[in-house]
């Protein structure tokens, strides 16, 4: 009607769920090859330590991708894509879709939310999302780690076969293997991102290095991402190895951590770090 301004209604929870999941799926399509290469690098030290061989198959971001394309074909870069998209639709939908609602819950309906409230909301929705989407993450990682064998045999023949096989051989709990390391990694990422971003931005403004504009925000975000990947990478490596492990290989995530430290040294916790960092920046930018 003339003279009546339309009311700006906030998006519903359903719209937030669908929008967050869809956007995350598009981002995953772009960054998935880097994520697959990261997984191969992270588990490479594990197989080397177990066999006692010093042969290194994968080297660096592009070296890993090139080797995979040459030996397994370009499609190998998207091993586990179906499970990856399932993960994004479930994980991102819950983590992002419920964030505002959880923030309002902690502030009791107030619009003002300090950094502690944002951390609590981010960690809570992140833990809920991980617990909900963990089976899809386990299957995704196992497909990404599954290299083509000379005899043509595969660990799993398809996404649904992977769910069934894991549940049959390792029990239903096998689908939630590595859930706690995953929740820990998510909490570290949330806390490190928010805290370091605010600290870097405040320092930039305090010493008049920049004004409060787009370059300032970009610099703060870049620095926060660098700090976040350094802190979160060790947990990400443990999470990947533990989720990909066979039954009885590790008794717990802590046992996986100690095994890595004693057999491969501290540098093992940064296997695939460059891939992890590049993938992180691309995913956040998208």
Protein backbone atom coordinates (compact mmCIF):
# COMPACT_ATOMS: atom_id res chain seq x y z
CA UNK A 1 0.00 0.00 0.00
CA UNK A 2 1.07 3.58 -0.71
CA UNK A 3 2.63 5.34 2.24
CA UNK A 4 3.27 2.16 4.21
CA UNK A 5 6.87 1.01 4.51
CA UNK A 6 7.46 -2.75 4.46
CA UNK A 7 8.64 -4.17 7.75
CA UNK A 8 12.12 -5.71 7.73
CA UNK A 9 11.51 -9.11 9.26
CA UNK A 10 14.52 -11.06 10.52
CA UNK A 11 15.11 -14.40 8.79
CA UNK A 12 13.52 -17.40 10.42
CA UNK A 13 15.57 -20.22 11.95
CA UNK A 14 14.69 -22.42 8.97
CA UNK A 15 16.01 -19.82 6.52
CA UNK A 16 19.22 -19.46 8.57
CA UNK A 17 19.67 -23.25 8.60
CA UNK A 18 19.18 -23.64 4.85
CA UNK A 19 21.18 -20.53 3.94
CA UNK A 20 24.15 -21.46 6.14
CA UNK A 21 24.21 -25.06 4.90
CA UNK A 22 23.93 -24.10 1.23
CA UNK A 23 26.67 -21.46 1.45
CA UNK A 24 28.95 -23.93 3.24
CA UNK A 25 28.37 -26.52 0.50
CA UNK A 26 29.43 -24.05 -2.21
CA UNK A 27 32.55 -23.19 -0.20
CA UNK A 28 33.31 -26.89 0.24
CA UNK A 29 33.17 -27.49 -3.51
CA UNK A 30 35.95 -24.93 -3.97
CA UNK A 31 38.18 -25.93 -1.05
CA UNK A 32 37.65 -29.73 -1.03
CA UNK A 33 40.81 -30.66 -3.01
CA UNK A 34 42.94 -28.72 -0.50
CA UNK A 35 41.19 -30.46 2.37
CA UNK A 36 41.80 -33.88 0.80
CA UNK A 37 45.48 -33.05 0.30
CA UNK A 38 45.67 -31.92 3.93
CA UNK A 39 44.27 -35.26 5.14
CA UNK A 40 46.80 -37.21 3.03
CA UNK A 41 49.68 -35.18 4.51
CA UNK A 42 48.37 -35.54 8.06
CA UNK A 43 48.21 -39.34 7.92
CA UNK A 44 51.42 -39.72 5.90
CA UNK A 45 53.68 -39.58 8.94
CA UNK A 46 51.56 -42.23 10.62
CA UNK A 47 52.09 -44.83 7.90
CA UNK A 48 55.79 -43.93 7.64
CA UNK A 49 56.32 -44.46 11.38
CA UNK A 50 54.41 -47.73 11.36
CA UNK A 51 56.35 -49.24 8.46
CA UNK A 52 59.72 -47.85 9.49
CA UNK A 53 60.19 -46.53 5.96
CA UNK A 54 61.52 -43.05 5.31
CA UNK A 55 59.83 -42.75 1.89
CA UNK A 56 57.74 -39.59 1.67
CA UNK A 57 55.05 -39.76 -1.01
CA UNK A 58 53.51 -36.32 -0.61
CA UNK A 59 55.33 -32.99 -0.33
CA UNK A 60 53.63 -29.64 0.13
CA UNK A 61 50.27 -28.33 -1.00
CA UNK A 62 50.63 -28.48 -4.77
CA UNK A 63 53.05 -31.43 -4.69
CA UNK A 64 50.38 -33.52 -2.94
CA UNK A 65 47.67 -32.47 -5.38
CA UNK A 66 49.93 -33.15 -8.38
CA UNK A 67 50.89 -36.60 -7.06
CA UNK A 68 47.27 -37.54 -6.43
CA UNK A 69 46.18 -36.45 -9.91
CA UNK A 70 49.09 -38.32 -11.53
CA UNK A 71 48.68 -41.58 -9.62
CA UNK A 72 44.94 -41.71 -8.92
CA UNK A 73 43.31 -39.29 -11.33
CA UNK A 74 41.71 -35.90 -10.79
CA UNK A 75 38.57 -37.43 -9.25
CA UNK A 76 40.62 -38.56 -6.25
CA UNK A 77 40.75 -34.93 -5.09
CA UNK A 78 37.01 -35.18 -4.45
CA UNK A 79 37.00 -38.52 -2.61
CA UNK A 80 34.38 -38.22 0.11
CA UNK A 81 32.62 -35.22 -1.45
CA UNK A 82 29.14 -36.66 -0.83
CA UNK A 83 29.88 -37.10 2.88
CA UNK A 84 31.55 -33.67 2.87
CA UNK A 85 28.41 -31.99 1.54
CA UNK A 86 26.30 -33.95 4.03
CA UNK A 87 28.60 -32.67 6.76
CA UNK A 88 28.31 -29.06 5.63
CA UNK A 89 24.51 -29.18 5.45
CA UNK A 90 24.34 -30.62 8.99
CA UNK A 91 27.32 -28.92 10.65
CA UNK A 92 27.11 -25.40 9.21
CA UNK A 93 23.33 -25.33 9.48
CA UNK A 94 23.43 -25.97 13.22
CA UNK A 95 26.58 -23.94 14.01
CA UNK A 96 25.57 -20.81 12.11
CA UNK A 97 21.79 -21.23 12.09
CA UNK A 98 21.51 -21.45 15.88
CA UNK A 99 24.23 -18.90 16.72
CA UNK A 100 21.95 -15.86 17.04
CA UNK A 101 19.39 -17.81 19.04
CA UNK A 102 22.08 -19.10 21.40
CA UNK A 103 23.54 -15.61 21.76
CA UNK A 104 20.11 -14.29 22.75
CA UNK A 105 19.77 -17.16 25.21
CA UNK A 106 22.99 -16.18 27.00
CA UNK A 107 22.10 -12.46 26.99
CA UNK A 108 18.49 -13.22 28.04
CA UNK A 109 17.08 -11.45 25.01
CA UNK A 110 19.36 -8.41 25.13
CA UNK A 111 20.86 -7.12 21.89
CA UNK A 112 24.18 -6.34 23.57
CA UNK A 113 26.60 -9.26 23.54
CA UNK A 114 30.17 -8.97 24.85
CA UNK A 115 33.06 -11.14 23.75
CA UNK A 116 32.46 -13.72 26.51
CA UNK A 117 28.85 -14.17 25.38
CA UNK A 118 29.93 -14.57 21.77
CA UNK A 119 32.53 -17.15 22.78
CA UNK A 120 29.97 -19.10 24.79
CA UNK A 121 27.45 -19.01 21.96
CA UNK A 122 30.05 -20.02 19.37
CA UNK A 123 31.42 -22.89 21.45
CA UNK A 124 27.94 -24.15 22.36
CA UNK A 125 26.57 -24.18 18.83
CA UNK A 126 29.89 -25.58 17.58
CA UNK A 127 29.74 -28.49 20.04
CA UNK A 128 26.12 -29.18 19.10
CA UNK A 129 26.99 -29.09 15.39
CA UNK A 130 29.99 -31.43 15.81
CA UNK A 131 27.97 -33.95 17.83
CA UNK A 132 25.22 -33.89 15.20
CA UNK A 133 27.47 -34.09 12.13
CA UNK A 134 30.30 -36.32 13.43
CA UNK A 135 29.30 -39.48 11.46
CA UNK A 136 29.50 -37.54 8.20
CA UNK A 137 32.93 -36.16 9.17
CA UNK A 138 34.26 -39.64 9.99
CA UNK A 139 33.14 -41.01 6.62
CA UNK A 140 34.49 -37.96 4.77
CA UNK A 141 37.93 -38.26 6.34
CA UNK A 142 38.14 -41.99 5.66
CA UNK A 143 37.30 -41.53 2.01
CA UNK A 144 39.84 -38.71 1.67
CA UNK A 145 42.50 -40.93 3.26
CA UNK A 146 41.61 -43.88 1.02
CA UNK A 147 44.32 -44.08 -1.64
CA UNK A 148 43.93 -46.31 -4.67
CA UNK A 149 45.49 -49.72 -4.05
CA UNK A 150 47.44 -51.66 -6.67
CA UNK A 151 44.97 -54.56 -6.41
CA UNK A 152 42.01 -52.23 -6.89
CA UNK A 153 40.51 -52.97 -3.48
CA UNK A 154 38.84 -50.14 -1.57
CA UNK A 155 38.14 -49.68 2.10
CA UNK A 156 34.55 -48.66 1.30
CA UNK A 157 32.55 -48.92 -1.92
CA UNK A 158 30.30 -45.93 -1.35
CA UNK A 159 29.06 -43.44 1.18
CA UNK A 160 26.16 -45.53 2.49
CA UNK A 161 28.39 -48.63 2.50
CA UNK A 162 30.85 -46.72 4.70
CA UNK A 163 28.15 -45.85 7.25
CA UNK A 164 26.96 -49.47 7.34
CA UNK A 165 30.46 -50.97 7.49
CA UNK A 166 31.65 -48.69 10.31
CA UNK A 167 28.49 -49.36 12.34
CA UNK A 168 28.83 -53.13 11.77
CA UNK A 169 32.58 -53.48 12.41
CA UNK A 170 33.12 -50.82 15.08
CA UNK A 171 29.65 -50.38 16.52
CA UNK A 172 27.49 -47.28 16.30
CA UNK A 173 30.02 -45.50 18.52
CA UNK A 174 32.53 -45.85 15.69
CA UNK A 175 30.58 -43.24 13.75
CA UNK A 176 31.29 -40.78 16.57
CA UNK A 177 35.00 -41.60 16.81
CA UNK A 178 37.04 -38.45 17.41
CA UNK A 179 34.03 -36.42 18.54
CA UNK A 180 35.80 -34.88 21.56
CA UNK A 181 38.95 -33.82 19.64
CA UNK A 182 36.63 -32.32 17.03
CA UNK A 183 34.67 -30.37 19.66
CA UNK A 184 37.98 -29.23 21.18
CA UNK A 185 39.29 -28.06 17.81
CA UNK A 186 36.07 -26.18 17.12
CA UNK A 187 36.21 -24.45 20.53
CA UNK A 188 39.86 -23.47 19.97
CA UNK A 189 39.04 -22.04 16.53
CA UNK A 190 36.08 -20.03 17.86
CA UNK A 191 37.99 -18.64 20.83
CA UNK A 192 41.21 -17.92 18.94
CA UNK A 193 39.41 -16.21 16.05
CA UNK A 194 37.36 -13.82 18.17
CA UNK A 195 39.98 -13.00 20.79
CA UNK A 196 42.97 -12.52 18.49
CA UNK A 197 40.88 -10.52 15.99
CA UNK A 198 39.82 -8.07 18.69
CA UNK A 199 43.36 -7.83 20.12
CA UNK A 200 45.01 -7.21 16.75
CA UNK A 201 42.38 -4.67 15.72
CA UNK A 202 42.71 -2.78 19.02
CA UNK A 203 46.51 -2.65 18.68
CA UNK A 204 46.26 -1.34 15.11
CA UNK A 205 43.91 1.43 16.19
CA UNK A 206 45.82 2.17 19.40
CA UNK A 207 49.09 2.87 17.59
CA UNK A 208 47.35 4.66 14.67
CA UNK A 209 48.65 2.19 12.11
CA UNK A 210 45.32 2.29 10.27
CA UNK A 211 41.88 3.79 10.64
CA UNK A 212 38.82 1.65 11.38
CA UNK A 213 38.18 0.69 7.76
CA UNK A 214 38.20 -2.35 5.45
CA UNK A 215 42.02 -2.73 5.27
CA UNK A 216 42.13 -2.65 9.07
CA UNK A 217 39.50 -5.39 9.35
CA UNK A 218 41.24 -7.46 6.67
CA UNK A 219 44.62 -7.20 8.42
CA UNK A 220 43.09 -8.12 11.78
CA UNK A 221 41.25 -11.07 10.22
CA UNK A 222 44.40 -12.28 8.44
CA UNK A 223 46.43 -12.11 11.67
CA UNK A 224 43.65 -13.84 13.61
CA UNK A 225 43.54 -16.62 11.01
CA UNK A 226 47.30 -17.13 11.23
CA UNK A 227 47.18 -17.42 15.03
CA UNK A 228 44.14 -19.69 14.88
CA UNK A 229 45.66 -22.18 12.45
CA UNK A 230 48.88 -22.39 14.51
CA UNK A 231 46.94 -23.20 17.68
CA UNK A 232 44.33 -25.48 16.09
CA UNK A 233 46.54 -27.48 13.70
CA UNK A 234 47.84 -30.01 16.30
CA UNK A 235 44.31 -30.85 17.41
CA UNK A 236 43.20 -31.14 13.78
CA UNK A 237 45.95 -33.67 13.03
CA UNK A 238 45.02 -35.78 16.08
CA UNK A 239 41.35 -35.57 15.12
CA UNK A 240 42.05 -36.73 11.55
CA UNK A 241 44.28 -39.64 12.56
CA UNK A 242 41.96 -40.83 15.31
CA UNK A 243 38.87 -40.71 13.08
CA UNK A 244 40.70 -42.55 10.30
CA UNK A 245 42.19 -45.21 12.63
CA UNK A 246 41.13 -48.84 12.52
CA UNK A 247 39.56 -50.54 15.53
CA UNK A 248 42.17 -50.99 18.29
CA UNK A 249 44.84 -48.84 16.62
CA UNK A 250 44.54 -46.18 19.33
CA UNK A 251 42.85 -46.62 22.68
CA UNK A 252 41.89 -42.94 22.85
CA UNK A 253 42.64 -39.52 21.37
CA UNK A 254 45.20 -39.01 24.14
CA UNK A 255 46.91 -42.27 23.21
CA UNK A 256 46.98 -41.09 19.59
CA UNK A 257 48.60 -37.83 20.71
CA UNK A 258 51.27 -39.57 22.80
CA UNK A 259 52.01 -42.08 20.02
CA UNK A 260 52.57 -39.25 17.55
CA UNK A 261 54.80 -37.39 19.97
CA UNK A 262 56.99 -40.39 20.85
CA UNK A 263 57.30 -41.91 17.36
CA UNK A 264 57.37 -38.83 15.12
CA UNK A 265 58.20 -35.86 17.35
CA UNK A 266 56.46 -32.49 17.80
CA UNK A 267 56.62 -31.61 14.09
CA UNK A 268 54.08 -34.37 13.38
CA UNK A 269 51.39 -32.12 14.83
CA UNK A 270 51.90 -29.72 11.94
CA UNK A 271 51.63 -32.22 9.11
CA UNK A 272 49.63 -30.55 6.35
CA UNK A 273 49.77 -27.18 8.08
CA UNK A 274 50.10 -25.18 4.84
CA UNK A 275 47.08 -26.96 3.36
CA UNK A 276 45.17 -26.35 6.58
CA UNK A 277 46.02 -22.65 6.58
CA UNK A 278 45.25 -22.08 2.87
CA UNK A 279 42.01 -24.07 3.15
CA UNK A 280 41.06 -22.06 6.24
CA UNK A 281 41.57 -18.70 4.53
CA UNK A 282 39.77 -19.73 1.34
CA UNK A 283 36.83 -21.18 3.27
CA UNK A 284 36.46 -18.06 5.43
CA UNK A 285 36.83 -15.74 2.43
CA UNK A 286 34.19 -17.61 0.46
